[in-house]
Amino acid sequence: MQESKLQDVTLLSWTLRVWKDHRRGVPMNSQESAVAYCMQHHTEWWPDWDSIDPAIARADISIENRLIHIHHDAAIRRQLENREVPQVCDLYDQLRQKGFEEFESIHTLVMALAEETWAARENKESFNFERYLERTTDHVKQALSRPNLTRIAKGKAY
């Protein structure tokens, strides 16, 4: 990629390009594939993804929140696909064994990732992996103890 083109790339323009390529059936690398898979799952946002031109895209707060959400989903999906974090995979498997759907499970795990990412940013510190695992375990325990509450919350708009 030319340096001038690379300088013009934003997370939004890159993500929208991934979406458009996905819709056209363009082969993707594993990161692009995970992002496209998660975007595909969020059908409520398809009109937004389809209507924004990546070349001139500018993010507003609702689009930024959706981007963060999609990229968190994709990060968890990649952890699961690659079995990068065995503890997270085990917790995901527990949720699935108890009848949680794929994205109910992913979203439960995403809560801990989002919290730890935000805490690190707000406190100007490095991502704390041990704290992330503790948060993940706590969220899964809460979801398993109150599965109906988790399912009601899945309809939340972001």
N, C-alpha and C. Protein backbone atom coordinates (compact mmCIF):
# COMPACT_ATOMS: atom_id res chain seq x y z
N MET A 1 0.85 -1.18 0.00
CA MET A 1 0.00 0.00 0.00
C MET A 1 0.89 1.23 0.00
N GLN A 2 0.50 2.22 -0.77
CA GLN A 2 1.27 3.44 -0.83
C GLN A 2 1.14 4.21 0.49
N GLU A 3 2.24 4.88 0.86
CA GLU A 3 2.24 5.58 2.15
C GLU A 3 1.14 6.63 2.23
N SER A 4 0.89 7.36 1.16
CA SER A 4 -0.15 8.40 1.19
C SER A 4 -1.53 7.78 1.42
N LYS A 5 -1.78 6.62 0.82
CA LYS A 5 -3.06 5.94 1.04
C LYS A 5 -3.17 5.46 2.48
N LEU A 6 -2.07 4.94 3.02
CA LEU A 6 -2.06 4.45 4.39
C LEU A 6 -2.35 5.57 5.38
N GLN A 7 -1.85 6.76 5.11
CA GLN A 7 -2.08 7.88 6.02
C GLN A 7 -3.55 8.29 6.05
N ASP A 8 -4.29 8.01 4.99
CA ASP A 8 -5.70 8.39 4.93
C ASP A 8 -6.63 7.35 5.56
N VAL A 9 -6.10 6.21 5.95
CA VAL A 9 -6.93 5.15 6.50
C VAL A 9 -7.26 5.46 7.96
N THR A 10 -8.54 5.34 8.27
CA THR A 10 -9.00 5.43 9.66
C THR A 10 -9.60 4.09 10.03
N LEU A 11 -9.85 3.89 11.29
CA LEU A 11 -10.51 2.65 11.70
C LEU A 11 -11.86 2.51 11.01
N LEU A 12 -12.57 3.62 10.90
CA LEU A 12 -13.87 3.59 10.23
C LEU A 12 -13.73 3.23 8.75
N SER A 13 -12.84 3.90 8.04
CA SER A 13 -12.71 3.62 6.61
C SER A 13 -12.23 2.18 6.37
N TRP A 14 -11.30 1.70 7.20
CA TRP A 14 -10.82 0.33 7.07
C TRP A 14 -11.95 -0.66 7.33
N THR A 15 -12.72 -0.43 8.40
CA THR A 15 -13.81 -1.34 8.75
C THR A 15 -14.88 -1.35 7.67
N LEU A 16 -15.21 -0.19 7.14
CA LEU A 16 -16.20 -0.13 6.06
C LEU A 16 -15.70 -0.81 4.79
N ARG A 17 -14.40 -0.70 4.52
CA ARG A 17 -13.85 -1.42 3.37
C ARG A 17 -13.96 -2.92 3.57
N VAL A 18 -13.69 -3.37 4.79
CA VAL A 18 -13.83 -4.80 5.11
C VAL A 18 -15.27 -5.23 4.87
N TRP A 19 -16.23 -4.43 5.32
CA TRP A 19 -17.64 -4.75 5.14
C TRP A 19 -18.00 -4.85 3.65
N LYS A 20 -17.59 -3.86 2.91
CA LYS A 20 -17.91 -3.85 1.47
C LYS A 20 -17.24 -5.03 0.76
N ASP A 21 -15.99 -5.33 1.11
CA ASP A 21 -15.30 -6.48 0.53
C ASP A 21 -16.01 -7.78 0.90
N HIS A 22 -16.43 -7.88 2.13
CA HIS A 22 -17.16 -9.07 2.59
C HIS A 22 -18.43 -9.27 1.77
N ARG A 23 -19.17 -8.19 1.57
CA ARG A 23 -20.42 -8.26 0.80
C ARG A 23 -20.17 -8.66 -0.65
N ARG A 24 -18.98 -8.33 -1.17
CA ARG A 24 -18.65 -8.68 -2.55
C ARG A 24 -17.96 -10.05 -2.65
N GLY A 25 -17.68 -10.67 -1.51
CA GLY A 25 -17.06 -11.99 -1.52
C GLY A 25 -15.56 -12.00 -1.72
N VAL A 26 -14.91 -10.88 -1.41
CA VAL A 26 -13.46 -10.77 -1.55
C VAL A 26 -12.78 -11.61 -0.45
N PRO A 27 -11.77 -12.41 -0.79
CA PRO A 27 -11.04 -13.17 0.24
C PRO A 27 -10.42 -12.23 1.27
N MET A 28 -10.37 -12.69 2.52
CA MET A 28 -9.90 -11.85 3.63
C MET A 28 -8.90 -12.58 4.49
N ASN A 29 -8.05 -11.80 5.18
CA ASN A 29 -7.17 -12.40 6.17
C ASN A 29 -7.98 -12.66 7.44
N SER A 30 -7.35 -13.25 8.45
CA SER A 30 -8.11 -13.66 9.64
C SER A 30 -8.70 -12.48 10.42
N GLN A 31 -7.99 -11.37 10.51
CA GLN A 31 -8.52 -10.20 11.23
C GLN A 31 -9.71 -9.62 10.48
N GLU A 32 -9.57 -9.45 9.18
CA GLU A 32 -10.67 -8.93 8.38
C GLU A 32 -11.88 -9.85 8.46
N SER A 33 -11.62 -11.14 8.38
CA SER A 33 -12.69 -12.13 8.44
C SER A 33 -13.44 -12.06 9.77
N ALA A 34 -12.73 -11.90 10.86
CA ALA A 34 -13.37 -11.81 12.19
C ALA A 34 -14.22 -10.54 12.28
N VAL A 35 -13.71 -9.43 11.78
CA VAL A 35 -14.47 -8.18 11.80
C VAL A 35 -15.72 -8.32 10.94
N ALA A 36 -15.57 -8.85 9.74
CA ALA A 36 -16.72 -9.02 8.84
C ALA A 36 -17.76 -9.95 9.46
N TYR A 37 -17.31 -11.03 10.08
CA TYR A 37 -18.23 -11.98 10.72
C TYR A 37 -19.05 -11.28 11.80
N CYS A 38 -18.40 -10.46 12.59
CA CYS A 38 -19.10 -9.77 13.67
C CYS A 38 -20.04 -8.69 13.12
N MET A 39 -19.61 -8.01 12.06
CA MET A 39 -20.50 -7.03 11.42
C MET A 39 -21.72 -7.73 10.83
N GLN A 40 -21.51 -8.89 10.25
CA GLN A 40 -22.60 -9.67 9.66
C GLN A 40 -23.63 -10.04 10.73
N HIS A 41 -23.16 -10.31 11.92
CA HIS A 41 -24.07 -10.69 13.01
C HIS A 41 -24.98 -9.54 13.42
N HIS A 42 -24.51 -8.32 13.35
CA HIS A 42 -25.27 -7.16 13.81
C HIS A 42 -26.11 -6.59 12.66
N THR A 43 -27.17 -7.30 12.34
CA THR A 43 -28.02 -6.91 11.21
C THR A 43 -28.66 -5.54 11.41
N GLU A 44 -28.83 -5.12 12.65
CA GLU A 44 -29.45 -3.82 12.93
C GLU A 44 -28.58 -2.66 12.44
N TRP A 45 -27.30 -2.92 12.20
CA TRP A 45 -26.39 -1.86 11.76
C TRP A 45 -26.07 -1.94 10.26
N TRP A 46 -26.58 -2.95 9.57
CA TRP A 46 -26.30 -3.08 8.14
C TRP A 46 -26.63 -1.83 7.35
N PRO A 47 -27.78 -1.19 7.59
CA PRO A 47 -28.07 0.02 6.80
C PRO A 47 -26.99 1.09 6.95
N ASP A 48 -26.43 1.21 8.15
CA ASP A 48 -25.35 2.19 8.36
C ASP A 48 -24.11 1.78 7.58
N TRP A 49 -23.71 0.51 7.71
CA TRP A 49 -22.51 0.05 7.02
C TRP A 49 -22.68 0.22 5.50
N ASP A 50 -23.87 -0.08 5.01
CA ASP A 50 -24.10 -0.03 3.57
C ASP A 50 -24.20 1.39 3.02
N SER A 51 -24.59 2.34 3.84
CA SER A 51 -24.84 3.69 3.32
C SER A 51 -23.65 4.64 3.43
N ILE A 52 -22.64 4.27 4.18
CA ILE A 52 -21.49 5.17 4.38
C ILE A 52 -20.42 4.86 3.34
N ASP A 53 -19.96 5.88 2.67
CA ASP A 53 -18.87 5.74 1.70
C ASP A 53 -17.54 5.75 2.46
N PRO A 54 -16.78 4.64 2.40
CA PRO A 54 -15.51 4.58 3.15
C PRO A 54 -14.53 5.69 2.79
N ALA A 55 -14.59 6.18 1.57
CA ALA A 55 -13.64 7.21 1.13
C ALA A 55 -13.85 8.54 1.83
N ILE A 56 -15.08 8.82 2.25
CA ILE A 56 -15.36 10.12 2.88
C ILE A 56 -15.95 9.97 4.28
N ALA A 57 -15.86 8.78 4.84
CA ALA A 57 -16.50 8.48 6.12
C ALA A 57 -15.89 9.31 7.25
N ARG A 58 -16.76 9.86 8.06
CA ARG A 58 -16.38 10.56 9.29
C ARG A 58 -17.24 9.98 10.41
N ALA A 59 -16.60 9.60 11.48
CA ALA A 59 -17.32 8.94 12.57
C ALA A 59 -18.00 9.95 13.47
N ASP A 60 -19.25 9.64 13.81
CA ASP A 60 -19.91 10.37 14.88
C ASP A 60 -19.90 9.43 16.09
N ILE A 61 -20.42 9.88 17.20
CA ILE A 61 -20.30 9.10 18.44
C ILE A 61 -21.01 7.74 18.35
N SER A 62 -22.17 7.68 17.70
CA SER A 62 -22.85 6.39 17.62
C SER A 62 -22.09 5.42 16.72
N ILE A 63 -21.50 5.92 15.65
CA ILE A 63 -20.69 5.06 14.78
C ILE A 63 -19.42 4.63 15.52
N GLU A 64 -18.81 5.55 16.26
CA GLU A 64 -17.61 5.18 17.03
C GLU A 64 -17.92 4.08 18.04
N ASN A 65 -19.05 4.19 18.73
CA ASN A 65 -19.44 3.15 19.69
C ASN A 65 -19.65 1.81 19.00
N ARG A 66 -20.25 1.84 17.83
CA ARG A 66 -20.47 0.60 17.08
C ARG A 66 -19.15 0.01 16.61
N LEU A 67 -18.22 0.87 16.18
CA LEU A 67 -16.91 0.38 15.77
C LEU A 67 -16.19 -0.31 16.93
N ILE A 68 -16.20 0.34 18.08
CA ILE A 68 -15.57 -0.26 19.26
C ILE A 68 -16.23 -1.60 19.57
N HIS A 69 -17.54 -1.62 19.53
CA HIS A 69 -18.29 -2.85 19.81
C HIS A 69 -17.88 -3.96 18.83
N ILE A 70 -17.88 -3.66 17.54
CA ILE A 70 -17.53 -4.66 16.53
C ILE A 70 -16.09 -5.15 16.72
N HIS A 71 -15.17 -4.25 16.98
CA HIS A 71 -13.78 -4.67 17.12
C HIS A 71 -13.54 -5.44 18.42
N HIS A 72 -14.29 -5.15 19.47
CA HIS A 72 -14.23 -5.98 20.67
C HIS A 72 -14.77 -7.37 20.38
N ASP A 73 -15.93 -7.44 19.69
CA ASP A 73 -16.48 -8.75 19.31
C ASP A 73 -15.44 -9.54 18.52
N ALA A 74 -14.81 -8.87 17.56
CA ALA A 74 -13.82 -9.54 16.70
C ALA A 74 -12.60 -10.01 17.50
N ALA A 75 -12.19 -9.22 18.48
CA ALA A 75 -11.04 -9.62 19.31
C ALA A 75 -11.36 -10.90 20.08
N ILE A 76 -12.56 -10.97 20.64
CA ILE A 76 -12.96 -12.19 21.36
C ILE A 76 -13.08 -13.35 20.38
N ARG A 77 -13.69 -13.12 19.24
CA ARG A 77 -13.83 -14.18 18.24
C ARG A 77 -12.45 -14.74 17.86
N ARG A 78 -11.48 -13.86 17.65
CA ARG A 78 -10.13 -14.33 17.30
C ARG A 78 -9.49 -15.10 18.46
N GLN A 79 -9.71 -14.64 19.70
CA GLN A 79 -9.19 -15.40 20.84
C GLN A 79 -9.75 -16.81 20.84
N LEU A 80 -11.04 -16.92 20.53
CA LEU A 80 -11.69 -18.22 20.53
C LEU A 80 -11.24 -19.09 19.35
N GLU A 81 -11.19 -18.49 18.17
CA GLU A 81 -10.78 -19.24 16.98
C GLU A 81 -9.37 -19.79 17.12
N ASN A 82 -8.48 -18.98 17.65
CA ASN A 82 -7.07 -19.35 17.75
C ASN A 82 -6.73 -20.02 19.08
N ARG A 83 -7.73 -20.11 19.95
CA ARG A 83 -7.53 -20.69 21.29
C ARG A 83 -6.34 -20.02 21.97
N GLU A 84 -6.27 -18.69 21.81
CA GLU A 84 -5.15 -17.89 22.33
C GLU A 84 -5.15 -17.81 23.85
N VAL A 85 -6.34 -17.74 24.43
CA VAL A 85 -6.46 -17.60 25.88
C VAL A 85 -7.32 -18.76 26.38
N PRO A 86 -6.68 -19.84 26.81
CA PRO A 86 -7.44 -21.03 27.18
C PRO A 86 -8.53 -20.79 28.22
N GLN A 87 -8.26 -19.88 29.18
CA GLN A 87 -9.27 -19.61 30.21
C GLN A 87 -10.53 -18.99 29.59
N VAL A 88 -10.36 -18.11 28.63
CA VAL A 88 -11.49 -17.48 27.96
C VAL A 88 -12.25 -18.52 27.14
N CYS A 89 -11.51 -19.39 26.48
CA CYS A 89 -12.15 -20.46 25.71
C CYS A 89 -12.97 -21.37 26.62
N ASP A 90 -12.43 -21.71 27.78
CA ASP A 90 -13.16 -22.55 28.73
C ASP A 90 -14.44 -21.86 29.21
N LEU A 91 -14.35 -20.57 29.49
CA LEU A 91 -15.53 -19.83 29.93
C LEU A 91 -16.58 -19.75 28.82
N TYR A 92 -16.13 -19.54 27.61
CA TYR A 92 -17.04 -19.53 26.45
C TYR A 92 -17.74 -20.89 26.34
N ASP A 93 -16.96 -21.96 26.46
CA ASP A 93 -17.54 -23.31 26.38
C ASP A 93 -18.57 -23.54 27.47
N GLN A 94 -18.32 -23.02 28.66
CA GLN A 94 -19.30 -23.15 29.75
C GLN A 94 -20.62 -22.48 29.39
N LEU A 95 -20.52 -21.28 28.83
CA LEU A 95 -21.73 -20.56 28.42
C LEU A 95 -22.48 -21.34 27.35
N ARG A 96 -21.77 -21.83 26.36
CA ARG A 96 -22.41 -22.56 25.26
C ARG A 96 -23.07 -23.85 25.77
N GLN A 97 -22.40 -24.53 26.71
CA GLN A 97 -22.96 -25.76 27.26
C GLN A 97 -24.23 -25.51 28.04
N LYS A 98 -24.39 -24.31 28.57
CA LYS A 98 -25.59 -23.95 29.32
C LYS A 98 -26.67 -23.34 28.42
N GLY A 99 -26.47 -23.40 27.12
CA GLY A 99 -27.50 -22.97 26.19
C GLY A 99 -27.41 -21.54 25.70
N PHE A 100 -26.36 -20.85 26.04
CA PHE A 100 -26.19 -19.49 25.54
C PHE A 100 -25.83 -19.56 24.05
N GLU A 101 -26.40 -18.67 23.27
CA GLU A 101 -26.08 -18.61 21.85
C GLU A 101 -24.67 -18.07 21.66
N GLU A 102 -24.15 -18.23 20.45
CA GLU A 102 -22.78 -17.81 20.17
C GLU A 102 -22.53 -16.35 20.56
N PHE A 103 -23.37 -15.43 20.08
CA PHE A 103 -23.09 -14.03 20.36
C PHE A 103 -23.52 -13.59 21.75
N GLU A 104 -24.43 -14.31 22.39
CA GLU A 104 -24.68 -14.05 23.81
C GLU A 104 -23.40 -14.33 24.58
N SER A 105 -22.74 -15.40 24.22
CA SER A 105 -21.50 -15.79 24.88
C SER A 105 -20.38 -14.81 24.57
N ILE A 106 -20.23 -14.46 23.30
CA ILE A 106 -19.20 -13.50 22.93
C ILE A 106 -19.42 -12.17 23.63
N HIS A 107 -20.65 -11.70 23.65
CA HIS A 107 -20.94 -10.41 24.29
C HIS A 107 -20.70 -10.46 25.80
N THR A 108 -20.94 -11.58 26.42
CA THR A 108 -20.63 -11.71 27.84
C THR A 108 -19.13 -11.55 28.06
N LEU A 109 -18.33 -12.16 27.21
CA LEU A 109 -16.88 -12.06 27.32
C LEU A 109 -16.38 -10.66 26.95
N VAL A 110 -17.05 -10.03 26.00
CA VAL A 110 -16.66 -8.69 25.56
C VAL A 110 -16.79 -7.67 26.69
N MET A 111 -17.76 -7.87 27.57
CA MET A 111 -17.93 -6.91 28.67
C MET A 111 -16.64 -6.75 29.46
N ALA A 112 -15.97 -7.87 29.75
CA ALA A 112 -14.73 -7.81 30.51
C ALA A 112 -13.61 -7.15 29.71
N LEU A 113 -13.53 -7.46 28.43
CA LEU A 113 -12.52 -6.84 27.57
C LEU A 113 -12.73 -5.33 27.50
N ALA A 114 -13.97 -4.91 27.32
CA ALA A 114 -14.27 -3.48 27.24
C ALA A 114 -13.95 -2.77 28.56
N GLU A 115 -14.33 -3.39 29.67
CA GLU A 115 -14.06 -2.79 30.98
C GLU A 115 -12.57 -2.64 31.22
N GLU A 116 -11.82 -3.68 30.92
CA GLU A 116 -10.37 -3.62 31.18
C GLU A 116 -9.68 -2.64 30.23
N THR A 117 -10.11 -2.61 28.99
CA THR A 117 -9.54 -1.65 28.04
C THR A 117 -9.81 -0.23 28.50
N TRP A 118 -11.04 0.02 28.91
CA TRP A 118 -11.41 1.36 29.38
C TRP A 118 -10.65 1.72 30.65
N ALA A 119 -10.55 0.78 31.58
CA ALA A 119 -9.83 1.06 32.83
C ALA A 119 -8.36 1.39 32.55
N ALA A 120 -7.74 0.65 31.67
CA ALA A 120 -6.34 0.92 31.33
C ALA A 120 -6.20 2.31 30.72
N ARG A 121 -7.11 2.65 29.85
CA ARG A 121 -7.04 3.96 29.19
C ARG A 121 -7.27 5.09 30.21
N GLU A 122 -8.29 4.95 31.01
CA GLU A 122 -8.63 6.00 31.98
C GLU A 122 -7.54 6.19 33.03
N ASN A 123 -6.89 5.10 33.42
CA ASN A 123 -5.86 5.17 34.45
C ASN A 123 -4.46 5.30 33.88
N LYS A 124 -4.37 5.43 32.56
CA LYS A 124 -3.07 5.58 31.88
C LYS A 124 -2.11 4.47 32.29
N GLU A 125 -2.60 3.24 32.20
CA GLU A 125 -1.78 2.09 32.54
C GLU A 125 -1.90 1.03 31.45
N SER A 126 -1.08 0.04 31.51
CA SER A 126 -1.12 -1.05 30.54
C SER A 126 -2.34 -1.94 30.81
N PHE A 127 -2.78 -2.59 29.77
CA PHE A 127 -3.85 -3.57 29.90
C PHE A 127 -3.39 -4.63 30.89
N ASN A 128 -4.22 -4.90 31.90
CA ASN A 128 -3.87 -5.86 32.95
C ASN A 128 -4.54 -7.19 32.62
N PHE A 129 -3.75 -8.12 32.11
CA PHE A 129 -4.28 -9.38 31.65
C PHE A 129 -4.93 -10.19 32.78
N GLU A 130 -4.30 -10.20 33.93
CA GLU A 130 -4.87 -10.96 35.07
C GLU A 130 -6.22 -10.38 35.49
N ARG A 131 -6.30 -9.06 35.54
CA ARG A 131 -7.57 -8.41 35.89
C ARG A 131 -8.62 -8.70 34.82
N TYR A 132 -8.21 -8.72 33.56
CA TYR A 132 -9.12 -9.06 32.47
C TYR A 132 -9.69 -10.46 32.68
N LEU A 133 -8.84 -11.42 33.02
CA LEU A 133 -9.33 -12.79 33.26
C LEU A 133 -10.27 -12.85 34.46
N GLU A 134 -9.97 -12.10 35.51
CA GLU A 134 -10.86 -12.04 36.67
C GLU A 134 -12.22 -11.46 36.28
N ARG A 135 -12.20 -10.37 35.52
CA ARG A 135 -13.45 -9.75 35.08
C ARG A 135 -14.25 -10.71 34.20
N THR A 136 -13.54 -11.40 33.33
CA THR A 136 -14.20 -12.35 32.44
C THR A 136 -14.88 -13.45 33.25
N THR A 137 -14.16 -14.00 34.21
CA THR A 137 -14.71 -15.04 35.07
C THR A 137 -15.93 -14.52 35.83
N ASP A 138 -15.85 -13.31 36.34
CA ASP A 138 -16.97 -12.72 37.07
C ASP A 138 -18.20 -12.54 36.18
N HIS A 139 -17.99 -12.05 34.97
CA HIS A 139 -19.12 -11.84 34.05
C HIS A 139 -19.78 -13.16 33.66
N VAL A 140 -18.97 -14.18 33.45
CA VAL A 140 -19.54 -15.48 33.10
C VAL A 140 -20.30 -16.06 34.28
N LYS A 141 -19.76 -15.95 35.48
CA LYS A 141 -20.48 -16.44 36.67
C LYS A 141 -21.82 -15.72 36.82
N GLN A 142 -21.81 -14.40 36.63
CA GLN A 142 -23.06 -13.63 36.72
C GLN A 142 -24.05 -14.06 35.65
N ALA A 143 -23.58 -14.24 34.44
CA ALA A 143 -24.47 -14.65 33.34
C ALA A 143 -25.06 -16.03 33.61
N LEU A 144 -24.24 -16.94 34.10
CA LEU A 144 -24.73 -18.29 34.37
C LEU A 144 -25.70 -18.32 35.55
N SER A 145 -25.52 -17.41 36.49
CA SER A 145 -26.42 -17.38 37.65
C SER A 145 -27.74 -16.68 37.34
N ARG A 146 -27.74 -15.82 36.29
CA ARG A 146 -28.96 -15.09 35.91
C ARG A 146 -29.11 -15.08 34.39
N PRO A 147 -29.31 -16.25 33.79
CA PRO A 147 -29.34 -16.31 32.32
C PRO A 147 -30.47 -15.49 31.69
N ASN A 148 -31.59 -15.36 32.36
CA ASN A 148 -32.70 -14.58 31.79
C ASN A 148 -32.35 -13.10 31.73
N LEU A 149 -31.64 -12.59 32.71
CA LEU A 149 -31.22 -11.19 32.70
C LEU A 149 -30.26 -10.94 31.55
N THR A 150 -29.35 -11.87 31.32
CA THR A 150 -28.40 -11.74 30.21
C THR A 150 -29.15 -11.71 28.88
N ARG A 151 -30.14 -12.54 28.75
CA ARG A 151 -30.88 -12.60 27.48
C ARG A 151 -31.72 -11.37 27.26
N ILE A 152 -32.26 -10.78 28.31
CA ILE A 152 -33.03 -9.54 28.18
C ILE A 152 -32.08 -8.41 27.75
N ALA A 153 -30.89 -8.37 28.31
CA ALA A 153 -29.93 -7.31 28.02
C ALA A 153 -29.39 -7.38 26.60
N LYS A 154 -29.49 -8.54 25.96
CA LYS A 154 -28.91 -8.66 24.62
C LYS A 154 -29.64 -7.79 23.60
N GLY A 155 -30.85 -7.34 23.90
CA GLY A 155 -31.58 -6.47 23.00
C GLY A 155 -31.18 -5.02 23.12
N LYS A 156 -30.22 -4.71 23.98
CA LYS A 156 -29.78 -3.34 24.21
C LYS A 156 -29.23 -2.72 22.94
N ALA A 157 -29.57 -1.46 22.72
CA ALA A 157 -29.03 -0.72 21.57
C ALA A 157 -27.72 -0.06 21.95
N TYR A 158 -26.75 -0.10 21.08
CA TYR A 158 -25.43 0.48 21.36
C TYR A 158 -25.27 1.77 20.63
